[in-house]
Amino acid sequence: YAVGEANAEEFRLLRARDAAVSHTVGAQAEVKPIDWKAWESRISNKETLACLKDFHAQQTALLDAVLKEDHLTAVKDQKEGWELYDTAKTSCSKSVEKSQTI
């Protein structure tokens, strides 16, 4: 929670930046694939290029897999482990109380 005018202003600015990024991402058309042939002529170190291509392929596969998952169902089906969340929440609340006295 933002407390005080300075914090509230920073939070407002943060929300404005978040909205701008969300708008930009939402307004994008389909992403063009990387033209690896063009990069092959620009990057002389072919080992580095191969690493970049492999990394890109791995990250794309990972992100595609994450996007396909049903996160809402996974959270709703979560029945155990909430005591850790509750403990962390209580600890954070105590930390906030202590920081307000500083």
PDB file of N, CA and C in Angstrom:
ATOM      1  N   TYR A   1       0.832  -1.189   0.000  1.00  0.00           N
ATOM      2  CA  TYR A   1       0.000   0.000   0.000  1.00  0.00           C
ATOM      3  C   TYR A   1       0.870   1.243   0.000  1.00  0.00           C
ATOM      4  N   ALA A   2       0.442   2.220  -0.727  1.00  0.00           N
ATOM      5  CA  ALA A   2       1.167   3.476  -0.801  1.00  0.00           C
ATOM      6  C   ALA A   2       0.690   4.377   0.322  1.00  0.00           C
ATOM      7  N   VAL A   3       1.624   4.803   1.155  1.00  0.00           N
ATOM      8  CA  VAL A   3       1.285   5.670   2.273  1.00  0.00           C
ATOM      9  C   VAL A   3       2.027   6.980   2.082  1.00  0.00           C
ATOM     10  N   GLY A   4       1.326   8.065   2.196  1.00  0.00           N
ATOM     11  CA  GLY A   4       1.939   9.373   2.036  1.00  0.00           C
ATOM     12  C   GLY A   4       1.859   9.846   0.598  1.00  0.00           C
ATOM     13  N   GLU A   5       1.976  11.151   0.418  1.00  0.00           N
ATOM     14  CA  GLU A   5       1.837  11.738  -0.913  1.00  0.00           C
ATOM     15  C   GLU A   5       2.931  11.297  -1.866  1.00  0.00           C
ATOM     16  N   ALA A   6       4.173  11.233  -1.393  1.00  0.00           N
ATOM     17  CA  ALA A   6       5.288  10.849  -2.265  1.00  0.00           C
ATOM     18  C   ALA A   6       5.114   9.412  -2.743  1.00  0.00           C
ATOM     19  N   ASN A   7       4.759   8.518  -1.832  1.00  0.00           N
ATOM     20  CA  ASN A   7       4.563   7.124  -2.207  1.00  0.00           C
ATOM     21  C   ASN A   7       3.358   6.972  -3.131  1.00  0.00           C
ATOM     22  N   ALA A   8       2.309   7.697  -2.855  1.00  0.00           N
ATOM     23  CA  ALA A   8       1.115   7.620  -3.694  1.00  0.00           C
ATOM     24  C   ALA A   8       1.432   8.101  -5.111  1.00  0.00           C
ATOM     25  N   GLU A   9       2.237   9.154  -5.216  1.00  0.00           N
ATOM     26  CA  GLU A   9       2.625   9.671  -6.526  1.00  0.00           C
ATOM     27  C   GLU A   9       3.474   8.647  -7.274  1.00  0.00           C
ATOM     28  N   GLU A  10       4.417   8.031  -6.586  1.00  0.00           N
ATOM     29  CA  GLU A  10       5.250   7.000  -7.224  1.00  0.00           C
ATOM     30  C   GLU A  10       4.390   5.823  -7.676  1.00  0.00           C
ATOM     31  N   PHE A  11       3.430   5.442  -6.858  1.00  0.00           N
ATOM     32  CA  PHE A  11       2.545   4.333  -7.216  1.00  0.00           C
ATOM     33  C   PHE A  11       1.698   4.714  -8.431  1.00  0.00           C
ATOM     34  N   ARG A  12       1.235   5.945  -8.481  1.00  0.00           N
ATOM     35  CA  ARG A  12       0.449   6.415  -9.625  1.00  0.00           C
ATOM     36  C   ARG A  12       1.285   6.371 -10.902  1.00  0.00           C
ATOM     37  N   LEU A  13       2.526   6.833 -10.807  1.00  0.00           N
ATOM     38  CA  LEU A  13       3.426   6.810 -11.962  1.00  0.00           C
ATOM     39  C   LEU A  13       3.718   5.371 -12.410  1.00  0.00           C
ATOM     40  N   LEU A  14       3.895   4.489 -11.444  1.00  0.00           N
ATOM     41  CA  LEU A  14       4.119   3.077 -11.752  1.00  0.00           C
ATOM     42  C   LEU A  14       2.933   2.485 -12.491  1.00  0.00           C
ATOM     43  N   ARG A  15       1.733   2.790 -12.015  1.00  0.00           N
ATOM     44  CA  ARG A  15       0.520   2.289 -12.672  1.00  0.00           C
ATOM     45  C   ARG A  15       0.385   2.858 -14.085  1.00  0.00           C
ATOM     46  N   ALA A  16       0.761   4.120 -14.261  1.00  0.00           N
ATOM     47  CA  ALA A  16       0.692   4.735 -15.585  1.00  0.00           C
ATOM     48  C   ALA A  16       1.668   4.054 -16.541  1.00  0.00           C
ATOM     49  N   ARG A  17       2.882   3.749 -16.052  1.00  0.00           N
ATOM     50  CA  ARG A  17       3.855   3.051 -16.888  1.00  0.00           C
ATOM     51  C   ARG A  17       3.368   1.654 -17.232  1.00  0.00           C
ATOM     52  N   ASP A  18       2.785   0.975 -16.254  1.00  0.00           N
ATOM     53  CA  ASP A  18       2.248  -0.362 -16.488  1.00  0.00           C
ATOM     54  C   ASP A  18       1.146  -0.319 -17.546  1.00  0.00           C
ATOM     55  N   ALA A  19       0.279   0.662 -17.449  1.00  0.00           N
ATOM     56  CA  ALA A  19      -0.803   0.796 -18.428  1.00  0.00           C
ATOM     57  C   ALA A  19      -0.238   1.072 -19.824  1.00  0.00           C
ATOM     58  N   ALA A  20       0.806   1.896 -19.900  1.00  0.00           N
ATOM     59  CA  ALA A  20       1.420   2.200 -21.197  1.00  0.00           C
ATOM     60  C   ALA A  20       2.030   0.941 -21.812  1.00  0.00           C
ATOM     61  N   VAL A  21       2.716   0.151 -21.006  1.00  0.00           N
ATOM     62  CA  VAL A  21       3.318  -1.085 -21.510  1.00  0.00           C
ATOM     63  C   VAL A  21       2.225  -2.065 -21.929  1.00  0.00           C
ATOM     64  N   SER A  22       1.204  -2.215 -21.111  1.00  0.00           N
ATOM     65  CA  SER A  22       0.107  -3.120 -21.441  1.00  0.00           C
ATOM     66  C   SER A  22      -0.568  -2.709 -22.744  1.00  0.00           C
ATOM     67  N   HIS A  23      -0.747  -1.411 -22.933  1.00  0.00           N
ATOM     68  CA  HIS A  23      -1.354  -0.914 -24.168  1.00  0.00           C
ATOM     69  C   HIS A  23      -0.461  -1.217 -25.370  1.00  0.00           C
ATOM     70  N   THR A  24       0.832  -0.971 -25.222  1.00  0.00           N
ATOM     71  CA  THR A  24       1.768  -1.220 -26.313  1.00  0.00           C
ATOM     72  C   THR A  24       1.792  -2.697 -26.687  1.00  0.00           C
ATOM     73  N   VAL A  25       1.848  -3.552 -25.689  1.00  0.00           N
ATOM     74  CA  VAL A  25       1.867  -4.995 -25.952  1.00  0.00           C
ATOM     75  C   VAL A  25       0.554  -5.436 -26.584  1.00  0.00           C
ATOM     76  N   GLY A  26      -0.555  -4.946 -26.076  1.00  0.00           N
ATOM     77  CA  GLY A  26      -1.857  -5.317 -26.603  1.00  0.00           C
ATOM     78  C   GLY A  26      -2.102  -4.821 -28.016  1.00  0.00           C
ATOM     79  N   ALA A  27      -1.462  -3.724 -28.396  1.00  0.00           N
ATOM     80  CA  ALA A  27      -1.684  -3.143 -29.709  1.00  0.00           C
ATOM     81  C   ALA A  27      -0.813  -3.775 -30.791  1.00  0.00           C
ATOM     82  N   GLN A  28       0.105  -4.620 -30.388  1.00  0.00           N
ATOM     83  CA  GLN A  28       1.015  -5.219 -31.361  1.00  0.00           C
ATOM     84  C   GLN A  28       0.311  -6.269 -32.202  1.00  0.00           C
ATOM     85  N   ALA A  29       0.650  -6.265 -33.464  1.00  0.00           N
ATOM     86  CA  ALA A  29       0.165  -7.316 -34.356  1.00  0.00           C
ATOM     87  C   ALA A  29       1.007  -8.566 -34.089  1.00  0.00           C
ATOM     88  N   GLU A  30       0.776  -9.564 -34.859  1.00  0.00           N
ATOM     89  CA  GLU A  30       1.538 -10.793 -34.677  1.00  0.00           C
ATOM     90  C   GLU A  30       3.026 -10.497 -34.802  1.00  0.00           C
ATOM     91  N   VAL A  31       3.794 -11.119 -33.957  1.00  0.00           N
ATOM     92  CA  VAL A  31       5.233 -10.881 -33.925  1.00  0.00           C
ATOM     93  C   VAL A  31       5.892 -11.556 -35.125  1.00  0.00           C
ATOM     94  N   LYS A  32       6.756 -10.804 -35.787  1.00  0.00           N
ATOM     95  CA  LYS A  32       7.478 -11.364 -36.930  1.00  0.00           C
ATOM     96  C   LYS A  32       8.577 -12.286 -36.410  1.00  0.00           C
ATOM     97  N   PRO A  33       8.775 -13.418 -37.059  1.00  0.00           N
ATOM     98  CA  PRO A  33       9.868 -14.302 -36.641  1.00  0.00           C
ATOM     99  C   PRO A  33      11.224 -13.662 -36.929  1.00  0.00           C
ATOM    100  N   ILE A  34      12.214 -14.093 -36.197  1.00  0.00           N
ATOM    101  CA  ILE A  34      13.566 -13.568 -36.400  1.00  0.00           C
ATOM    102  C   ILE A  34      14.115 -14.093 -37.723  1.00  0.00           C
ATOM    103  N   ASP A  35      14.706 -13.203 -38.487  1.00  0.00           N
ATOM    104  CA  ASP A  35      15.329 -13.571 -39.755  1.00  0.00           C
ATOM    105  C   ASP A  35      16.774 -13.976 -39.458  1.00  0.00           C
ATOM    106  N   TRP A  36      16.960 -15.251 -39.168  1.00  0.00           N
ATOM    107  CA  TRP A  36      18.284 -15.728 -38.779  1.00  0.00           C
ATOM    108  C   TRP A  36      19.278 -15.637 -39.939  1.00  0.00           C
ATOM    109  N   LYS A  37      18.814 -15.733 -41.160  1.00  0.00           N
ATOM    110  CA  LYS A  37      19.711 -15.604 -42.322  1.00  0.00           C
ATOM    111  C   LYS A  37      20.356 -14.213 -42.343  1.00  0.00           C
ATOM    112  N   ALA A  38      19.561 -13.195 -42.032  1.00  0.00           N
ATOM    113  CA  ALA A  38      20.096 -11.831 -41.997  1.00  0.00           C
ATOM    114  C   ALA A  38      21.147 -11.693 -40.893  1.00  0.00           C
ATOM    115  N   TRP A  39      20.911 -12.324 -39.750  1.00  0.00           N
ATOM    116  CA  TRP A  39      21.859 -12.243 -38.648  1.00  0.00           C
ATOM    117  C   TRP A  39      23.127 -13.025 -38.940  1.00  0.00           C
ATOM    118  N   GLU A  40      23.007 -14.094 -39.720  1.00  0.00           N
ATOM    119  CA  GLU A  40      24.200 -14.871 -40.068  1.00  0.00           C
ATOM    120  C   GLU A  40      25.211 -14.021 -40.823  1.00  0.00           C
ATOM    121  N   SER A  41      24.723 -13.098 -41.639  1.00  0.00           N
ATOM    122  CA  SER A  41      25.650 -12.236 -42.387  1.00  0.00           C
ATOM    123  C   SER A  41      26.208 -11.106 -41.518  1.00  0.00           C
ATOM    124  N   ARG A  42      25.558 -10.798 -40.419  1.00  0.00           N
ATOM    125  CA  ARG A  42      25.986  -9.686 -39.561  1.00  0.00           C
ATOM    126  C   ARG A  42      26.882 -10.132 -38.405  1.00  0.00           C
ATOM    127  N   ILE A  43      26.689 -11.347 -37.929  1.00  0.00           N
ATOM    128  CA  ILE A  43      27.459 -11.827 -36.776  1.00  0.00           C
ATOM    129  C   ILE A  43      28.546 -12.754 -37.285  1.00  0.00           C
ATOM    130  N   SER A  44      29.795 -12.340 -37.076  1.00  0.00           N
ATOM    131  CA  SER A  44      30.909 -13.128 -37.601  1.00  0.00           C
ATOM    132  C   SER A  44      31.216 -14.346 -36.729  1.00  0.00           C
ATOM    133  N   ASN A  45      30.924 -14.260 -35.440  1.00  0.00           N
ATOM    134  CA  ASN A  45      31.184 -15.390 -34.543  1.00  0.00           C
ATOM    135  C   ASN A  45      29.993 -16.350 -34.626  1.00  0.00           C
ATOM    136  N   LYS A  46      30.163 -17.396 -35.401  1.00  0.00           N
ATOM    137  CA  LYS A  46      29.056 -18.334 -35.659  1.00  0.00           C
ATOM    138  C   LYS A  46      28.689 -19.139 -34.416  1.00  0.00           C
ATOM    139  N   GLU A  47      29.641 -19.337 -33.516  1.00  0.00           N
ATOM    140  CA  GLU A  47      29.332 -20.048 -32.268  1.00  0.00           C
ATOM    141  C   GLU A  47      28.384 -19.205 -31.404  1.00  0.00           C
ATOM    142  N   THR A  48      28.635 -17.912 -31.363  1.00  0.00           N
ATOM    143  CA  THR A  48      27.751 -17.007 -30.625  1.00  0.00           C
ATOM    144  C   THR A  48      26.368 -16.993 -31.266  1.00  0.00           C
ATOM    145  N   LEU A  49      26.321 -16.941 -32.569  1.00  0.00           N
ATOM    146  CA  LEU A  49      25.044 -16.960 -33.268  1.00  0.00           C
ATOM    147  C   LEU A  49      24.275 -18.248 -32.968  1.00  0.00           C
ATOM    148  N   ALA A  50      24.970 -19.374 -32.971  1.00  0.00           N
ATOM    149  CA  ALA A  50      24.317 -20.651 -32.670  1.00  0.00           C
ATOM    150  C   ALA A  50      23.763 -20.653 -31.241  1.00  0.00           C
ATOM    151  N   CYS A  51      24.523 -20.090 -30.315  1.00  0.00           N
ATOM    152  CA  CYS A  51      24.052 -19.993 -28.927  1.00  0.00           C
ATOM    153  C   CYS A  51      22.806 -19.116 -28.834  1.00  0.00           C
ATOM    154  N   LEU A  52      22.815 -17.996 -29.543  1.00  0.00           N
ATOM    155  CA  LEU A  52      21.650 -17.106 -29.545  1.00  0.00           C
ATOM    156  C   LEU A  52      20.419 -17.804 -30.108  1.00  0.00           C
ATOM    157  N   LYS A  53      20.604 -18.540 -31.210  1.00  0.00           N
ATOM    158  CA  LYS A  53      19.487 -19.254 -31.817  1.00  0.00           C
ATOM    159  C   LYS A  53      18.950 -20.330 -30.877  1.00  0.00           C
ATOM    160  N   ASP A  54      19.860 -21.083 -30.249  1.00  0.00           N
ATOM    161  CA  ASP A  54      19.441 -22.129 -29.314  1.00  0.00           C
ATOM    162  C   ASP A  54      18.708 -21.538 -28.114  1.00  0.00           C
ATOM    163  N   PHE A  55      19.263 -20.449 -27.578  1.00  0.00           N
ATOM    164  CA  PHE A  55      18.632 -19.805 -26.431  1.00  0.00           C
ATOM    165  C   PHE A  55      17.244 -19.301 -26.804  1.00  0.00           C
ATOM    166  N   HIS A  56      17.136 -18.676 -27.966  1.00  0.00           N
ATOM    167  CA  HIS A  56      15.844 -18.166 -28.418  1.00  0.00           C
ATOM    168  C   HIS A  56      14.839 -19.311 -28.579  1.00  0.00           C
ATOM    169  N   ALA A  57      15.266 -20.403 -29.160  1.00  0.00           N
ATOM    170  CA  ALA A  57      14.376 -21.554 -29.361  1.00  0.00           C
ATOM    171  C   ALA A  57      13.915 -22.126 -28.019  1.00  0.00           C
ATOM    172  N   GLN A  58      14.831 -22.240 -27.064  1.00  0.00           N
ATOM    173  CA  GLN A  58      14.481 -22.771 -25.737  1.00  0.00           C
ATOM    174  C   GLN A  58      13.508 -21.845 -25.018  1.00  0.00           C
ATOM    175  N   GLN A  59      13.790 -20.545 -25.035  1.00  0.00           N
ATOM    176  CA  GLN A  59      12.932 -19.593 -24.343  1.00  0.00           C
ATOM    177  C   GLN A  59      11.550 -19.528 -24.984  1.00  0.00           C
ATOM    178  N   THR A  60      11.498 -19.579 -26.304  1.00  0.00           N
ATOM    179  CA  THR A  60      10.218 -19.558 -27.001  1.00  0.00           C
ATOM    180  C   THR A  60       9.392 -20.788 -26.646  1.00  0.00           C
ATOM    181  N   ALA A  61      10.032 -21.949 -26.628  1.00  0.00           N
ATOM    182  CA  ALA A  61       9.328 -23.182 -26.263  1.00  0.00           C
ATOM    183  C   ALA A  61       8.829 -23.116 -24.829  1.00  0.00           C
ATOM    184  N   LEU A  62       9.663 -22.593 -23.932  1.00  0.00           N
ATOM    185  CA  LEU A  62       9.272 -22.470 -22.529  1.00  0.00           C
ATOM    186  C   LEU A  62       8.083 -21.532 -22.372  1.00  0.00           C
ATOM    187  N   LEU A  63       8.152 -20.370 -22.995  1.00  0.00           N
ATOM    188  CA  LEU A  63       7.064 -19.394 -22.890  1.00  0.00           C
ATOM    189  C   LEU A  63       5.780 -19.910 -23.537  1.00  0.00           C
ATOM    190  N   ASP A  64       5.900 -20.592 -24.656  1.00  0.00           N
ATOM    191  CA  ASP A  64       4.720 -21.172 -25.299  1.00  0.00           C
ATOM    192  C   ASP A  64       4.059 -22.199 -24.382  1.00  0.00           C
ATOM    193  N   ALA A  65       4.879 -23.017 -23.713  1.00  0.00           N
ATOM    194  CA  ALA A  65       4.338 -24.022 -22.788  1.00  0.00           C
ATOM    195  C   ALA A  65       3.637 -23.354 -21.607  1.00  0.00           C
ATOM    196  N   VAL A  66       4.228 -22.295 -21.083  1.00  0.00           N
ATOM    197  CA  VAL A  66       3.623 -21.576 -19.946  1.00  0.00           C
ATOM    198  C   VAL A  66       2.300 -20.944 -20.365  1.00  0.00           C
ATOM    199  N   LEU A  67       2.254 -20.377 -21.546  1.00  0.00           N
ATOM    200  CA  LEU A  67       1.026 -19.733 -22.014  1.00  0.00           C
ATOM    201  C   LEU A  67      -0.105 -20.734 -22.241  1.00  0.00           C
ATOM    202  N   LYS A  68       0.230 -21.973 -22.531  1.00  0.00           N
ATOM    203  CA  LYS A  68      -0.786 -22.993 -22.765  1.00  0.00           C
ATOM    204  C   LYS A  68      -1.389 -23.535 -21.464  1.00  0.00           C
ATOM    205  N   GLU A  69      -0.696 -23.342 -20.344  1.00  0.00           N
ATOM    206  CA  GLU A  69      -1.172 -23.865 -19.068  1.00  0.00           C
ATOM    207  C   GLU A  69      -2.373 -23.065 -18.570  1.00  0.00           C
ATOM    208  N   ASP A  70      -3.238 -23.745 -17.832  1.00  0.00           N
ATOM    209  CA  ASP A  70      -4.413 -23.101 -17.234  1.00  0.00           C
ATOM    210  C   ASP A  70      -4.060 -22.725 -15.796  1.00  0.00           C
ATOM    211  N   HIS A  71      -3.536 -21.523 -15.617  1.00  0.00           N
ATOM    212  CA  HIS A  71      -3.053 -21.092 -14.315  1.00  0.00           C
ATOM    213  C   HIS A  71      -4.185 -20.873 -13.319  1.00  0.00           C
ATOM    214  N   LEU A  72      -5.322 -20.400 -13.783  1.00  0.00           N
ATOM    215  CA  LEU A  72      -6.452 -20.157 -12.895  1.00  0.00           C
ATOM    216  C   LEU A  72      -6.909 -21.459 -12.246  1.00  0.00           C
ATOM    217  N   THR A  73      -7.024 -22.520 -13.027  1.00  0.00           N
ATOM    218  CA  THR A  73      -7.425 -23.812 -12.489  1.00  0.00           C
ATOM    219  C   THR A  73      -6.381 -24.331 -11.516  1.00  0.00           C
ATOM    220  N   ALA A  74      -5.109 -24.154 -11.854  1.00  0.00           N
ATOM    221  CA  ALA A  74      -4.043 -24.619 -10.971  1.00  0.00           C
ATOM    222  C   ALA A  74      -4.110 -23.932  -9.611  1.00  0.00           C
ATOM    223  N   VAL A  75      -4.397 -22.646  -9.612  1.00  0.00           N
ATOM    224  CA  VAL A  75      -4.487 -21.916  -8.342  1.00  0.00           C
ATOM    225  C   VAL A  75      -5.725 -22.349  -7.564  1.00  0.00           C
ATOM    226  N   LYS A  76      -6.846 -22.509  -8.266  1.00  0.00           N
ATOM    227  CA  LYS A  76      -8.076 -22.923  -7.591  1.00  0.00           C
ATOM    228  C   LYS A  76      -7.960 -24.327  -7.013  1.00  0.00           C
ATOM    229  N   ASP A  77      -7.207 -25.196  -7.687  1.00  0.00           N
ATOM    230  CA  ASP A  77      -7.039 -26.566  -7.220  1.00  0.00           C
ATOM    231  C   ASP A  77      -6.019 -26.690  -6.095  1.00  0.00           C
ATOM    232  N   GLN A  78      -5.287 -25.613  -5.821  1.00  0.00           N
ATOM    233  CA  GLN A  78      -4.274 -25.649  -4.769  1.00  0.00           C
ATOM    234  C   GLN A  78      -4.947 -25.705  -3.404  1.00  0.00           C
ATOM    235  N   LYS A  79      -4.824 -26.830  -2.733  1.00  0.00           N
ATOM    236  CA  LYS A  79      -5.473 -27.015  -1.431  1.00  0.00           C
ATOM    237  C   LYS A  79      -4.475 -26.994  -0.288  1.00  0.00           C
ATOM    238  N   GLU A  80      -3.232 -27.339  -0.560  1.00  0.00           N
ATOM    239  CA  GLU A  80      -2.217 -27.420   0.487  1.00  0.00           C
ATOM    240  C   GLU A  80      -1.172 -26.324   0.295  1.00  0.00           C
ATOM    241  N   GLY A  81      -0.449 -26.029   1.362  1.00  0.00           N
ATOM    242  CA  GLY A  81       0.651 -25.082   1.273  1.00  0.00           C
ATOM    243  C   GLY A  81       0.283 -23.654   1.595  1.00  0.00           C
ATOM    244  N   TRP A  82      -0.994 -23.388   1.847  1.00  0.00           N
ATOM    245  CA  TRP A  82      -1.407 -22.015   2.114  1.00  0.00           C
ATOM    246  C   TRP A  82      -0.895 -21.508   3.455  1.00  0.00           C
ATOM    247  N   GLU A  83      -0.511 -22.428   4.355  1.00  0.00           N
ATOM    248  CA  GLU A  83       0.008 -21.984   5.651  1.00  0.00           C
ATOM    249  C   GLU A  83       1.316 -21.218   5.460  1.00  0.00           C
ATOM    250  N   LEU A  84       2.103 -21.594   4.465  1.00  0.00           N
ATOM    251  CA  LEU A  84       3.331 -20.858   4.167  1.00  0.00           C
ATOM    252  C   LEU A  84       2.998 -19.441   3.702  1.00  0.00           C
ATOM    253  N   TYR A  85       1.987 -19.319   2.866  1.00  0.00           N
ATOM    254  CA  TYR A  85       1.540 -18.005   2.397  1.00  0.00           C
ATOM    255  C   TYR A  85       1.059 -17.163   3.578  1.00  0.00           C
ATOM    256  N   ASP A  86       0.242 -17.768   4.451  1.00  0.00           N
ATOM    257  CA  ASP A  86      -0.282 -17.040   5.610  1.00  0.00           C
ATOM    258  C   ASP A  86       0.836 -16.593   6.539  1.00  0.00           C
ATOM    259  N   THR A  87       1.830 -17.464   6.741  1.00  0.00           N
ATOM    260  CA  THR A  87       2.969 -17.111   7.584  1.00  0.00           C
ATOM    261  C   THR A  87       3.748 -15.949   6.981  1.00  0.00           C
ATOM    262  N   ALA A  88       3.975 -15.994   5.675  1.00  0.00           N
ATOM    263  CA  ALA A  88       4.695 -14.915   4.991  1.00  0.00           C
ATOM    264  C   ALA A  88       3.917 -13.609   5.070  1.00  0.00           C
ATOM    265  N   LYS A  89       2.608 -13.695   4.904  1.00  0.00           N
ATOM    266  CA  LYS A  89       1.764 -12.503   4.969  1.00  0.00           C
ATOM    267  C   LYS A  89       1.826 -11.870   6.358  1.00  0.00           C
ATOM    268  N   THR A  90       1.767 -12.701   7.391  1.00  0.00           N
ATOM    269  CA  THR A  90       1.858 -12.201   8.766  1.00  0.00           C
ATOM    270  C   THR A  90       3.217 -11.562   9.009  1.00  0.00           C
ATOM    271  N   SER A  91       4.276 -12.204   8.514  1.00  0.00           N
ATOM    272  CA  SER A  91       5.626 -11.673   8.675  1.00  0.00           C
ATOM    273  C   SER A  91       5.766 -10.322   7.973  1.00  0.00           C
ATOM    274  N   CYS A  92       5.223 -10.216   6.792  1.00  0.00           N
ATOM    275  CA  CYS A  92       5.285  -8.947   6.054  1.00  0.00           C
ATOM    276  C   CYS A  92       4.513  -7.848   6.771  1.00  0.00           C
ATOM    277  N   SER A  93       3.365  -8.203   7.315  1.00  0.00           N
ATOM    278  CA  SER A  93       2.569  -7.219   8.051  1.00  0.00           C
ATOM    279  C   SER A  93       3.350  -6.695   9.252  1.00  0.00           C
ATOM    280  N   LYS A  94       4.035  -7.591   9.957  1.00  0.00           N
ATOM    281  CA  LYS A  94       4.846  -7.175  11.107  1.00  0.00           C
ATOM    282  C   LYS A  94       5.997  -6.278  10.660  1.00  0.00           C
ATOM    283  N   SER A  95       6.595  -6.606   9.520  1.00  0.00           N
ATOM    284  CA  SER A  95       7.685  -5.780   8.997  1.00  0.00           C
ATOM    285  C   SER A  95       7.211  -4.387   8.634  1.00  0.00           C
ATOM    286  N   VAL A  96       6.017  -4.313   8.052  1.00  0.00           N
ATOM    287  CA  VAL A  96       5.442  -3.005   7.710  1.00  0.00           C
ATOM    288  C   VAL A  96       5.202  -2.198   8.972  1.00  0.00           C
ATOM    289  N   GLU A  97       4.667  -2.838  10.002  1.00  0.00           N
ATOM    290  CA  GLU A  97       4.409  -2.140  11.277  1.00  0.00           C
ATOM    291  C   GLU A  97       5.727  -1.604  11.849  1.00  0.00           C
ATOM    292  N   LYS A  98       6.772  -2.418  11.823  1.00  0.00           N
ATOM    293  CA  LYS A  98       8.070  -1.982  12.344  1.00  0.00           C
ATOM    294  C   LYS A  98       8.643  -0.847  11.511  1.00  0.00           C
ATOM    295  N   SER A  99       8.495  -0.915  10.202  1.00  0.00           N
ATOM    296  CA  SER A  99       9.060   0.129   9.348  1.00  0.00           C
ATOM    297  C   SER A  99       8.346   1.461   9.540  1.00  0.00           C
ATOM    298  N   GLN A 100       7.079   1.409   9.927  1.00  0.00           N
ATOM    299  CA  GLN A 100       6.348   2.655  10.139  1.00  0.00           C
ATOM    300  C   GLN A 100       6.804   3.379  11.398  1.00  0.00           C
ATOM    301  N   THR A 101       7.416   2.646  12.326  1.00  0.00           N
ATOM    302  CA  THR A 101       7.915   3.284  13.543  1.00  0.00           C
ATOM    303  C   THR A 101       9.288   3.905  13.335  1.00  0.00           C
ATOM    304  N   ILE A 102       9.924   3.559  12.235  1.00  0.00           N
ATOM    305  CA  ILE A 102      11.286   4.068  11.974  1.00  0.00           C
ATOM    306  C   ILE A 102      11.214   5.505  11.485  1.00  0.00           C
TER     307      ILE A 102
END
